[in-house]
Amino acid sequence: MSNEQQQQQKLQQTDSIELLKNSLAIGFTVATLIQCTGHVCGCHLTIAITIGLYVTERVTILRLISYLFVQIFASIFGMMVVYNLFGTVIPIMPSTTTTLTTVQIFGFEFLSTFLIVLTYLANCDPNRRLQLTNNNTVNNDNYNCIIDSSKSLTIGFAYTVGHLFAFVATGASMNPAKALAISIITENYCLHWRI
């Protein structure tokens, strides 16, 4: 193997390690936010979660509209802060160009967002209770409390997996409000979910 090929291989390994580190950082940040604020507002970190909760009749139309408004406004405000601090919107897309079609790009974003929403809804399902048996004893409250506190981690891991799955292809927005905010700030609306 030539020296140039070895350098290229090291660069690819470094990129893979950085992707894993960033994905884990995102997942643990989401888990921490859910653990800290989930009891206050449900911690709907993406419009897709709010819509999923509305479709499953867990939020009212009034709450849906108010959450959507706040999420879009907060995303635009957050991107404006980033733009003013750094002089540009931090690039989300990887530096390599992609040859994916519009349908493929949408598919990556849809699947990664769907995984997050599915995980969130599964953790909110009141019918989903873990039945622990210890000498035919069911529902030990101490164990259920511990398991309930791990819900934030499962949602955080869903974000990690979604980021690992979609980042190289699309930049892994996984949040329509964030993608829309970036489109508004950059004035680039072409395939805005890909940004």
N, C-alpha and C. Protein backbone atom coordinates (compact mmCIF):
# COMPACT_ATOMS: atom_id res chain seq x y z
N MET A 1 0.84 -1.17 0.00
CA MET A 1 0.00 0.00 0.00
C MET A 1 0.89 1.24 0.00
N SER A 2 0.59 2.17 -0.87
CA SER A 2 1.41 3.37 -0.98
C SER A 2 1.16 4.31 0.20
N ASN A 3 2.06 5.26 0.35
CA ASN A 3 1.97 6.24 1.43
C ASN A 3 0.69 7.06 1.31
N GLU A 4 0.32 7.41 0.08
CA GLU A 4 -0.89 8.21 -0.15
C GLU A 4 -2.15 7.42 0.24
N GLN A 5 -2.17 6.14 -0.06
CA GLN A 5 -3.30 5.30 0.31
C GLN A 5 -3.40 5.15 1.82
N GLN A 6 -2.27 5.04 2.49
CA GLN A 6 -2.27 4.94 3.95
C GLN A 6 -2.80 6.23 4.59
N GLN A 7 -2.40 7.37 4.03
CA GLN A 7 -2.89 8.65 4.54
C GLN A 7 -4.40 8.77 4.32
N GLN A 8 -4.88 8.32 3.16
CA GLN A 8 -6.30 8.36 2.85
C GLN A 8 -7.08 7.47 3.82
N GLN A 9 -6.53 6.30 4.14
CA GLN A 9 -7.18 5.37 5.06
C GLN A 9 -7.23 5.96 6.47
N LYS A 10 -6.15 6.60 6.91
CA LYS A 10 -6.13 7.25 8.22
C LYS A 10 -7.16 8.37 8.29
N LEU A 11 -7.29 9.13 7.22
CA LEU A 11 -8.26 10.21 7.16
C LEU A 11 -9.68 9.67 7.27
N GLN A 12 -9.97 8.57 6.60
CA GLN A 12 -11.29 7.96 6.68
C GLN A 12 -11.57 7.44 8.08
N GLN A 13 -10.57 6.85 8.72
CA GLN A 13 -10.74 6.36 10.09
C GLN A 13 -11.00 7.52 11.04
N THR A 14 -10.28 8.62 10.86
CA THR A 14 -10.48 9.80 11.69
C THR A 14 -11.88 10.35 11.49
N ASP A 15 -12.35 10.42 10.24
CA ASP A 15 -13.71 10.89 9.97
C ASP A 15 -14.74 10.00 10.64
N SER A 16 -14.53 8.69 10.62
CA SER A 16 -15.46 7.75 11.24
C SER A 16 -15.49 7.93 12.75
N ILE A 17 -14.33 8.13 13.35
CA ILE A 17 -14.27 8.34 14.79
C ILE A 17 -14.95 9.65 15.17
N GLU A 18 -14.73 10.71 14.39
CA GLU A 18 -15.37 12.00 14.65
C GLU A 18 -16.88 11.89 14.52
N LEU A 19 -17.36 11.14 13.52
CA LEU A 19 -18.80 10.95 13.33
C LEU A 19 -19.38 10.23 14.54
N LEU A 20 -18.71 9.20 15.02
CA LEU A 20 -19.19 8.46 16.19
C LEU A 20 -19.20 9.36 17.42
N LYS A 21 -18.15 10.13 17.62
CA LYS A 21 -18.09 11.03 18.78
C LYS A 21 -19.21 12.07 18.72
N ASN A 22 -19.42 12.65 17.55
CA ASN A 22 -20.48 13.65 17.41
C ASN A 22 -21.86 13.03 17.61
N SER A 23 -22.06 11.84 17.08
CA SER A 23 -23.35 11.16 17.23
C SER A 23 -23.64 10.84 18.68
N LEU A 24 -22.63 10.35 19.40
CA LEU A 24 -22.82 10.06 20.82
C LEU A 24 -23.05 11.34 21.62
N ALA A 25 -22.36 12.42 21.27
CA ALA A 25 -22.56 13.69 21.96
C ALA A 25 -24.00 14.19 21.76
N ILE A 26 -24.51 14.05 20.55
CA ILE A 26 -25.89 14.46 20.28
C ILE A 26 -26.86 13.60 21.09
N GLY A 27 -26.65 12.29 21.06
CA GLY A 27 -27.54 11.39 21.79
C GLY A 27 -27.55 11.64 23.28
N PHE A 28 -26.38 11.83 23.88
CA PHE A 28 -26.33 12.08 25.32
C PHE A 28 -26.87 13.47 25.68
N THR A 29 -26.69 14.43 24.80
CA THR A 29 -27.27 15.76 25.04
C THR A 29 -28.78 15.70 25.03
N VAL A 30 -29.33 14.99 24.05
CA VAL A 30 -30.79 14.82 23.98
C VAL A 30 -31.29 14.09 25.22
N ALA A 31 -30.61 13.02 25.62
CA ALA A 31 -31.03 12.28 26.81
C ALA A 31 -31.01 13.17 28.05
N THR A 32 -29.99 14.01 28.16
CA THR A 32 -29.91 14.92 29.30
C THR A 32 -31.04 15.95 29.27
N LEU A 33 -31.31 16.51 28.10
CA LEU A 33 -32.41 17.48 27.99
C LEU A 33 -33.74 16.85 28.35
N ILE A 34 -33.97 15.63 27.88
CA ILE A 34 -35.23 14.95 28.20
C ILE A 34 -35.32 14.66 29.69
N GLN A 35 -34.24 14.21 30.27
CA GLN A 35 -34.24 13.91 31.70
C GLN A 35 -34.50 15.17 32.52
N CYS A 36 -33.95 16.30 32.09
CA CYS A 36 -34.06 17.54 32.85
C CYS A 36 -35.38 18.28 32.62
N THR A 37 -35.92 18.24 31.40
CA THR A 37 -37.10 19.05 31.10
C THR A 37 -38.31 18.24 30.67
N GLY A 38 -38.18 16.94 30.57
CA GLY A 38 -39.29 16.12 30.10
C GLY A 38 -40.53 16.22 30.97
N HIS A 39 -40.35 16.36 32.27
CA HIS A 39 -41.49 16.45 33.18
C HIS A 39 -42.20 17.80 33.11
N VAL A 40 -41.54 18.80 32.53
CA VAL A 40 -42.13 20.13 32.46
C VAL A 40 -43.00 20.28 31.21
N CYS A 41 -42.44 19.94 30.05
CA CYS A 41 -43.14 20.20 28.80
C CYS A 41 -43.19 18.99 27.87
N GLY A 42 -42.66 17.87 28.29
CA GLY A 42 -42.63 16.70 27.43
C GLY A 42 -41.39 16.65 26.55
N CYS A 43 -40.65 17.74 26.48
CA CYS A 43 -39.40 17.83 25.73
C CYS A 43 -39.57 17.38 24.28
N HIS A 44 -40.52 18.00 23.60
CA HIS A 44 -40.72 17.73 22.17
C HIS A 44 -39.61 18.46 21.41
N LEU A 45 -38.53 17.76 21.11
CA LEU A 45 -37.37 18.40 20.50
C LEU A 45 -37.48 18.55 18.99
N THR A 46 -38.52 18.03 18.41
CA THR A 46 -38.73 18.17 16.98
C THR A 46 -40.22 18.25 16.69
N ILE A 47 -40.56 18.94 15.63
CA ILE A 47 -41.95 19.05 15.22
C ILE A 47 -42.55 17.67 14.97
N ALA A 48 -41.75 16.77 14.47
CA ALA A 48 -42.24 15.42 14.14
C ALA A 48 -42.76 14.71 15.39
N ILE A 49 -42.13 14.91 16.54
CA ILE A 49 -42.61 14.31 17.79
C ILE A 49 -43.96 14.89 18.16
N THR A 50 -44.09 16.20 18.06
CA THR A 50 -45.35 16.85 18.40
C THR A 50 -46.47 16.37 17.49
N ILE A 51 -46.20 16.26 16.20
CA ILE A 51 -47.21 15.76 15.26
C ILE A 51 -47.54 14.30 15.57
N GLY A 52 -46.53 13.51 15.89
CA GLY A 52 -46.77 12.12 16.26
C GLY A 52 -47.65 12.00 17.50
N LEU A 53 -47.43 12.85 18.48
CA LEU A 53 -48.26 12.85 19.68
C LEU A 53 -49.67 13.31 19.38
N TYR A 54 -49.82 14.23 18.43
CA TYR A 54 -51.17 14.66 18.04
C TYR A 54 -51.89 13.54 17.31
N VAL A 55 -51.21 12.88 16.40
CA VAL A 55 -51.83 11.79 15.63
C VAL A 55 -52.28 10.66 16.56
N THR A 56 -51.51 10.40 17.60
CA THR A 56 -51.87 9.35 18.56
C THR A 56 -52.76 9.88 19.68
N GLU A 57 -53.27 11.09 19.50
CA GLU A 57 -54.24 11.72 20.40
C GLU A 57 -53.71 11.93 21.82
N ARG A 58 -52.44 12.28 21.91
CA ARG A 58 -51.85 12.57 23.22
C ARG A 58 -51.71 14.08 23.48
N VAL A 59 -51.87 14.88 22.43
CA VAL A 59 -51.91 16.34 22.61
C VAL A 59 -53.11 16.88 21.85
N THR A 60 -53.63 18.00 22.33
CA THR A 60 -54.80 18.63 21.70
C THR A 60 -54.34 19.47 20.52
N ILE A 61 -55.28 19.89 19.71
CA ILE A 61 -54.98 20.74 18.55
C ILE A 61 -54.40 22.08 19.01
N LEU A 62 -54.88 22.61 20.12
CA LEU A 62 -54.36 23.88 20.63
C LEU A 62 -52.90 23.73 21.04
N ARG A 63 -52.58 22.65 21.75
CA ARG A 63 -51.19 22.41 22.15
C ARG A 63 -50.33 22.16 20.92
N LEU A 64 -50.85 21.43 19.94
CA LEU A 64 -50.10 21.18 18.70
C LEU A 64 -49.72 22.49 18.03
N ILE A 65 -50.68 23.37 17.85
CA ILE A 65 -50.42 24.64 17.17
C ILE A 65 -49.44 25.49 17.97
N SER A 66 -49.63 25.56 19.29
CA SER A 66 -48.73 26.38 20.09
C SER A 66 -47.31 25.81 20.11
N TYR A 67 -47.17 24.49 20.21
CA TYR A 67 -45.84 23.87 20.20
C TYR A 67 -45.16 24.07 18.85
N LEU A 68 -45.93 23.92 17.76
CA LEU A 68 -45.33 24.10 16.43
C LEU A 68 -44.83 25.53 16.26
N PHE A 69 -45.63 26.49 16.69
CA PHE A 69 -45.23 27.89 16.59
C PHE A 69 -43.95 28.14 17.39
N VAL A 70 -43.92 27.66 18.62
CA VAL A 70 -42.75 27.88 19.47
C VAL A 70 -41.52 27.17 18.89
N GLN A 71 -41.68 25.95 18.40
CA GLN A 71 -40.55 25.20 17.86
C GLN A 71 -39.96 25.89 16.63
N ILE A 72 -40.81 26.38 15.76
CA ILE A 72 -40.31 27.07 14.56
C ILE A 72 -39.64 28.38 14.95
N PHE A 73 -40.28 29.16 15.83
CA PHE A 73 -39.70 30.42 16.28
C PHE A 73 -38.36 30.19 16.99
N ALA A 74 -38.31 29.19 17.86
CA ALA A 74 -37.07 28.90 18.60
C ALA A 74 -35.95 28.45 17.65
N SER A 75 -36.30 27.68 16.64
CA SER A 75 -35.29 27.24 15.67
C SER A 75 -34.72 28.42 14.89
N ILE A 76 -35.60 29.30 14.45
CA ILE A 76 -35.14 30.49 13.72
C ILE A 76 -34.28 31.36 14.63
N PHE A 77 -34.73 31.57 15.86
CA PHE A 77 -33.95 32.37 16.81
C PHE A 77 -32.60 31.72 17.08
N GLY A 78 -32.58 30.41 17.28
CA GLY A 78 -31.32 29.70 17.53
C GLY A 78 -30.36 29.82 16.36
N MET A 79 -30.86 29.69 15.15
CA MET A 79 -29.99 29.82 13.97
C MET A 79 -29.50 31.26 13.81
N MET A 80 -30.33 32.24 14.19
CA MET A 80 -29.88 33.63 14.13
C MET A 80 -28.74 33.86 15.13
N VAL A 81 -28.85 33.26 16.31
CA VAL A 81 -27.79 33.38 17.31
C VAL A 81 -26.50 32.75 16.77
N VAL A 82 -26.61 31.55 16.21
CA VAL A 82 -25.44 30.87 15.64
C VAL A 82 -24.84 31.71 14.52
N TYR A 83 -25.69 32.24 13.65
CA TYR A 83 -25.21 33.06 12.54
C TYR A 83 -24.49 34.31 13.04
N ASN A 84 -25.03 34.95 14.06
CA ASN A 84 -24.39 36.16 14.60
C ASN A 84 -23.11 35.86 15.38
N LEU A 85 -23.04 34.72 16.01
CA LEU A 85 -21.83 34.36 16.75
C LEU A 85 -20.69 33.95 15.83
N PHE A 86 -21.02 33.19 14.79
CA PHE A 86 -19.97 32.61 13.95
C PHE A 86 -19.88 33.23 12.56
N GLY A 87 -20.81 34.12 12.21
CA GLY A 87 -20.78 34.77 10.91
C GLY A 87 -21.32 33.89 9.79
N THR A 88 -21.70 32.70 10.11
CA THR A 88 -22.28 31.77 9.14
C THR A 88 -23.06 30.72 9.92
N VAL A 89 -23.93 30.05 9.22
CA VAL A 89 -24.60 28.91 9.84
C VAL A 89 -23.61 27.76 9.78
N ILE A 90 -23.39 27.12 10.92
CA ILE A 90 -22.43 26.02 10.96
C ILE A 90 -22.88 24.97 9.96
N PRO A 91 -22.01 24.58 9.05
CA PRO A 91 -22.44 23.64 8.02
C PRO A 91 -22.86 22.31 8.63
N ILE A 92 -24.01 21.86 8.20
CA ILE A 92 -24.52 20.58 8.67
C ILE A 92 -24.14 19.49 7.67
N MET A 93 -24.16 19.84 6.40
CA MET A 93 -23.83 18.86 5.37
C MET A 93 -22.35 18.50 5.45
N PRO A 94 -22.03 17.23 5.27
CA PRO A 94 -20.62 16.85 5.21
C PRO A 94 -19.94 17.52 4.01
N SER A 95 -18.65 17.60 4.07
CA SER A 95 -17.92 18.31 3.02
C SER A 95 -17.93 17.56 1.69
N THR A 96 -18.15 16.26 1.72
CA THR A 96 -18.17 15.50 0.47
C THR A 96 -19.49 15.72 -0.24
N THR A 97 -19.44 15.77 -1.54
CA THR A 97 -20.67 15.93 -2.30
C THR A 97 -21.35 14.58 -2.43
N THR A 98 -22.66 14.62 -2.49
CA THR A 98 -23.43 13.39 -2.57
C THR A 98 -24.10 13.28 -3.94
N THR A 99 -24.28 12.08 -4.36
CA THR A 99 -24.93 11.84 -5.65
C THR A 99 -26.33 11.26 -5.45
N LEU A 100 -26.91 11.48 -4.30
CA LEU A 100 -28.23 10.95 -4.00
C LEU A 100 -29.31 11.74 -4.71
N THR A 101 -30.40 11.07 -5.04
CA THR A 101 -31.55 11.74 -5.63
C THR A 101 -32.37 12.40 -4.52
N THR A 102 -33.31 13.23 -4.92
CA THR A 102 -34.18 13.90 -3.96
C THR A 102 -34.97 12.89 -3.14
N VAL A 103 -35.44 11.84 -3.78
CA VAL A 103 -36.20 10.80 -3.08
C VAL A 103 -35.32 10.09 -2.06
N GLN A 104 -34.08 9.80 -2.41
CA GLN A 104 -33.17 9.14 -1.48
C GLN A 104 -32.85 10.04 -0.29
N ILE A 105 -32.63 11.31 -0.55
CA ILE A 105 -32.35 12.27 0.53
C ILE A 105 -33.55 12.34 1.47
N PHE A 106 -34.74 12.47 0.90
CA PHE A 106 -35.95 12.50 1.73
C PHE A 106 -36.08 11.19 2.52
N GLY A 107 -35.77 10.07 1.90
CA GLY A 107 -35.85 8.77 2.56
C GLY A 107 -34.94 8.68 3.77
N PHE A 108 -33.70 9.14 3.64
CA PHE A 108 -32.77 9.13 4.78
C PHE A 108 -33.31 9.98 5.93
N GLU A 109 -33.77 11.18 5.61
CA GLU A 109 -34.29 12.07 6.66
C GLU A 109 -35.58 11.51 7.27
N PHE A 110 -36.45 10.97 6.42
CA PHE A 110 -37.71 10.41 6.91
C PHE A 110 -37.45 9.23 7.85
N LEU A 111 -36.59 8.32 7.45
CA LEU A 111 -36.32 7.13 8.27
C LEU A 111 -35.65 7.49 9.59
N SER A 112 -34.70 8.40 9.57
CA SER A 112 -34.03 8.78 10.82
C SER A 112 -35.00 9.51 11.75
N THR A 113 -35.85 10.36 11.21
CA THR A 113 -36.84 11.07 12.02
C THR A 113 -37.91 10.10 12.52
N PHE A 114 -38.32 9.16 11.66
CA PHE A 114 -39.32 8.16 12.06
C PHE A 114 -38.82 7.33 13.23
N LEU A 115 -37.55 6.95 13.21
CA LEU A 115 -36.97 6.18 14.31
C LEU A 115 -37.08 6.95 15.63
N ILE A 116 -36.80 8.23 15.59
CA ILE A 116 -36.87 9.07 16.79
C ILE A 116 -38.31 9.16 17.29
N VAL A 117 -39.24 9.43 16.38
CA VAL A 117 -40.64 9.56 16.78
C VAL A 117 -41.17 8.23 17.31
N LEU A 118 -40.85 7.14 16.65
CA LEU A 118 -41.30 5.82 17.10
C LEU A 118 -40.76 5.51 18.50
N THR A 119 -39.50 5.80 18.74
CA THR A 119 -38.91 5.56 20.05
C THR A 119 -39.57 6.43 21.11
N TYR A 120 -39.81 7.70 20.78
CA TYR A 120 -40.46 8.61 21.72
C TYR A 120 -41.85 8.11 22.07
N LEU A 121 -42.63 7.75 21.04
CA LEU A 121 -43.99 7.28 21.27
C LEU A 121 -44.01 5.97 22.05
N ALA A 122 -43.07 5.08 21.76
CA ALA A 122 -43.00 3.81 22.49
C ALA A 122 -42.72 4.05 23.97
N ASN A 123 -41.89 5.02 24.27
CA ASN A 123 -41.58 5.33 25.66
C ASN A 123 -42.71 6.04 26.38
N CYS A 124 -43.60 6.66 25.63
CA CYS A 124 -44.74 7.36 26.24
C CYS A 124 -45.99 6.48 26.33
N ASP A 125 -45.94 5.29 25.79
CA ASP A 125 -47.11 4.41 25.75
C ASP A 125 -47.47 3.94 27.16
N PRO A 126 -48.66 4.30 27.65
CA PRO A 126 -49.05 3.89 29.00
C PRO A 126 -49.31 2.38 29.11
N ASN A 127 -49.55 1.73 28.00
CA ASN A 127 -49.80 0.29 28.01
C ASN A 127 -48.51 -0.52 28.06
N ARG A 128 -47.40 0.14 27.89
CA ARG A 128 -46.12 -0.56 27.85
C ARG A 128 -45.48 -0.52 29.22
N ARG A 129 -45.71 -1.51 29.98
CA ARG A 129 -45.14 -1.61 31.32
C ARG A 129 -44.30 -2.87 31.39
N LEU A 130 -43.16 -2.75 32.01
CA LEU A 130 -42.31 -3.91 32.20
C LEU A 130 -42.79 -4.68 33.42
N GLN A 131 -43.08 -5.93 33.21
CA GLN A 131 -43.53 -6.78 34.30
C GLN A 131 -42.34 -7.60 34.78
N LEU A 132 -41.84 -7.28 35.94
CA LEU A 132 -40.71 -8.00 36.51
C LEU A 132 -41.24 -9.07 37.45
N THR A 133 -40.69 -10.25 37.33
CA THR A 133 -41.11 -11.31 38.24
C THR A 133 -39.92 -11.75 39.07
N ASN A 134 -40.13 -11.78 40.37
CA ASN A 134 -39.12 -12.26 41.30
C ASN A 134 -39.88 -13.11 42.32
N ASN A 135 -39.77 -14.41 42.18
CA ASN A 135 -40.56 -15.33 43.01
C ASN A 135 -42.05 -15.05 42.86
N ASN A 136 -42.48 -14.90 41.58
CA ASN A 136 -43.89 -14.65 41.23
C ASN A 136 -44.40 -13.31 41.73
N THR A 137 -43.52 -12.36 42.03
CA THR A 137 -43.93 -11.03 42.43
C THR A 137 -43.84 -10.12 41.20
N VAL A 138 -44.92 -9.41 40.92
CA VAL A 138 -44.99 -8.57 39.73
C VAL A 138 -45.05 -7.10 40.15
N ASN A 139 -44.48 -6.24 39.32
CA ASN A 139 -44.55 -4.79 39.51
C ASN A 139 -43.82 -4.31 40.76
N ASN A 140 -42.56 -4.60 40.87
CA ASN A 140 -41.75 -4.05 41.94
C ASN A 140 -41.51 -2.58 41.62
N ASP A 141 -42.05 -1.68 42.46
CA ASP A 141 -42.00 -0.25 42.16
C ASP A 141 -40.58 0.28 42.05
N ASN A 142 -39.63 -0.23 42.80
CA ASN A 142 -38.26 0.24 42.71
C ASN A 142 -37.68 -0.01 41.32
N TYR A 143 -37.93 -1.18 40.77
CA TYR A 143 -37.42 -1.49 39.44
C TYR A 143 -38.11 -0.65 38.38
N ASN A 144 -39.42 -0.47 38.49
CA ASN A 144 -40.14 0.34 37.50
C ASN A 144 -39.65 1.77 37.49
N CYS A 145 -39.31 2.31 38.65
CA CYS A 145 -38.78 3.67 38.73
C CYS A 145 -37.44 3.77 38.00
N ILE A 146 -36.59 2.80 38.18
CA ILE A 146 -35.29 2.81 37.51
C ILE A 146 -35.48 2.70 36.00
N ILE A 147 -36.37 1.83 35.57
CA ILE A 147 -36.59 1.63 34.15
C ILE A 147 -37.21 2.88 33.54
N ASP A 148 -38.14 3.54 34.25
CA ASP A 148 -38.74 4.76 33.73
C ASP A 148 -37.69 5.84 33.51
N SER A 149 -36.68 5.91 34.38
CA SER A 149 -35.66 6.95 34.22
C SER A 149 -34.74 6.67 33.03
N SER A 150 -34.76 5.44 32.50
CA SER A 150 -33.91 5.14 31.35
C SER A 150 -34.57 5.48 30.03
N LYS A 151 -35.81 5.94 30.06
CA LYS A 151 -36.50 6.29 28.81
C LYS A 151 -35.75 7.38 28.06
N SER A 152 -35.20 8.33 28.79
CA SER A 152 -34.46 9.40 28.12
C SER A 152 -33.25 8.85 27.37
N LEU A 153 -32.62 7.83 27.93
CA LEU A 153 -31.47 7.22 27.25
C LEU A 153 -31.88 6.52 25.96
N THR A 154 -33.02 5.85 25.96
CA THR A 154 -33.43 5.16 24.73
C THR A 154 -33.74 6.17 23.63
N ILE A 155 -34.33 7.29 23.98
CA ILE A 155 -34.59 8.33 22.98
C ILE A 155 -33.28 8.96 22.53
N GLY A 156 -32.36 9.18 23.46
CA GLY A 156 -31.04 9.69 23.09
C GLY A 156 -30.31 8.75 22.15
N PHE A 157 -30.40 7.45 22.40
CA PHE A 157 -29.77 6.47 21.51
C PHE A 157 -30.43 6.48 20.13
N ALA A 158 -31.74 6.74 20.08
CA ALA A 158 -32.42 6.84 18.78
C ALA A 158 -31.84 8.01 17.98
N TYR A 159 -31.57 9.13 18.66
CA TYR A 159 -30.92 10.25 17.99
C TYR A 159 -29.52 9.88 17.52
N THR A 160 -28.80 9.14 18.35
CA THR A 160 -27.44 8.69 17.96
C THR A 160 -27.50 7.82 16.71
N VAL A 161 -28.40 6.85 16.70
CA VAL A 161 -28.53 5.95 15.55
C VAL A 161 -28.98 6.73 14.31
N GLY A 162 -29.95 7.63 14.48
CA GLY A 162 -30.40 8.44 13.35
C GLY A 162 -29.29 9.29 12.77
N HIS A 163 -28.46 9.85 13.64
CA HIS A 163 -27.34 10.67 13.18
C HIS A 163 -26.30 9.81 12.45
N LEU A 164 -25.99 8.65 13.02
CA LEU A 164 -25.04 7.75 12.36
C LEU A 164 -25.56 7.30 11.01
N PHE A 165 -26.86 7.05 10.92
CA PHE A 165 -27.48 6.56 9.70
C PHE A 165 -27.51 7.61 8.59
N ALA A 166 -27.87 8.84 8.93
CA ALA A 166 -28.15 9.83 7.89
C ALA A 166 -27.10 10.90 7.70
N PHE A 167 -26.15 11.05 8.59
CA PHE A 167 -25.25 12.20 8.51
C PHE A 167 -24.44 12.24 7.21
N VAL A 168 -23.83 11.14 6.86
CA VAL A 168 -22.97 11.14 5.67
C VAL A 168 -23.79 11.46 4.42
N ALA A 169 -25.03 11.00 4.38
CA ALA A 169 -25.86 11.21 3.19
C ALA A 169 -26.50 12.59 3.16
N THR A 170 -27.02 13.07 4.30
CA THR A 170 -27.83 14.29 4.27
C THR A 170 -27.43 15.35 5.29
N GLY A 171 -26.59 15.01 6.22
CA GLY A 171 -26.29 15.94 7.30
C GLY A 171 -27.14 15.69 8.53
N ALA A 172 -28.12 14.81 8.42
CA ALA A 172 -28.96 14.35 9.54
C ALA A 172 -29.63 15.51 10.28
N SER A 173 -30.48 16.25 9.60
CA SER A 173 -31.22 17.31 10.28
C SER A 173 -32.16 16.72 11.32
N MET A 174 -32.94 15.76 10.95
CA MET A 174 -33.89 15.06 11.83
C MET A 174 -34.86 15.99 12.53
N ASN A 175 -34.99 17.21 12.05
CA ASN A 175 -35.89 18.18 12.65
C ASN A 175 -36.32 19.16 11.57
N PRO A 176 -37.57 19.07 11.12
CA PRO A 176 -38.03 19.98 10.07
C PRO A 176 -37.92 21.45 10.44
N ALA A 177 -38.11 21.79 11.71
CA ALA A 177 -38.00 23.20 12.13
C ALA A 177 -36.57 23.70 11.99
N LYS A 178 -35.60 22.87 12.35
CA LYS A 178 -34.19 23.26 12.21
C LYS A 178 -33.83 23.44 10.74
N ALA A 179 -34.27 22.51 9.91
CA ALA A 179 -33.98 22.61 8.48
C ALA A 179 -34.63 23.86 7.89
N LEU A 180 -35.86 24.16 8.29
CA LEU A 180 -36.54 25.36 7.80
C LEU A 180 -35.81 26.61 8.28
N ALA A 181 -35.37 26.63 9.52
CA ALA A 181 -34.65 27.80 10.06
C ALA A 181 -33.36 28.04 9.29
N ILE A 182 -32.63 26.99 9.00
CA ILE A 182 -31.40 27.15 8.23
C ILE A 182 -31.71 27.66 6.83
N SER A 183 -32.79 27.16 6.23
CA SER A 183 -33.20 27.63 4.90
C SER A 183 -33.54 29.12 4.93
N ILE A 184 -34.23 29.55 5.97
CA ILE A 184 -34.61 30.97 6.08
C ILE A 184 -33.37 31.84 6.25
N ILE A 185 -32.45 31.43 7.13
CA ILE A 185 -31.25 32.22 7.39
C ILE A 185 -30.35 32.28 6.15
N THR A 186 -30.18 31.15 5.46
CA THR A 186 -29.31 31.11 4.29
C THR A 186 -30.03 31.51 3.00
N GLU A 187 -31.34 31.67 3.07
CA GLU A 187 -32.17 31.98 1.91
C GLU A 187 -32.00 30.94 0.80
N ASN A 188 -31.86 29.70 1.20
CA ASN A 188 -31.73 28.59 0.27
C ASN A 188 -32.80 27.56 0.62
N TYR A 189 -33.86 27.50 -0.20
CA TYR A 189 -34.99 26.63 0.12
C TYR A 189 -35.00 25.35 -0.70
N CYS A 190 -34.03 25.14 -1.54
CA CYS A 190 -33.96 23.95 -2.36
C CYS A 190 -33.57 22.76 -1.48
N LEU A 191 -34.41 21.76 -1.39
CA LEU A 191 -34.17 20.57 -0.57
C LEU A 191 -33.80 20.96 0.85
N HIS A 192 -34.59 21.85 1.46
CA HIS A 192 -34.18 22.41 2.75
C HIS A 192 -34.04 21.36 3.86
N TRP A 193 -34.68 20.19 3.74
CA TRP A 193 -34.50 19.17 4.78
C TRP A 193 -33.11 18.57 4.71
N ARG A 194 -32.40 18.77 3.62
CA ARG A 194 -31.07 18.22 3.43
C ARG A 194 -29.99 19.09 4.06
N ILE A 195 -30.30 20.32 4.36
CA ILE A 195 -29.28 21.24 4.85
C ILE A 195 -28.81 20.86 6.22
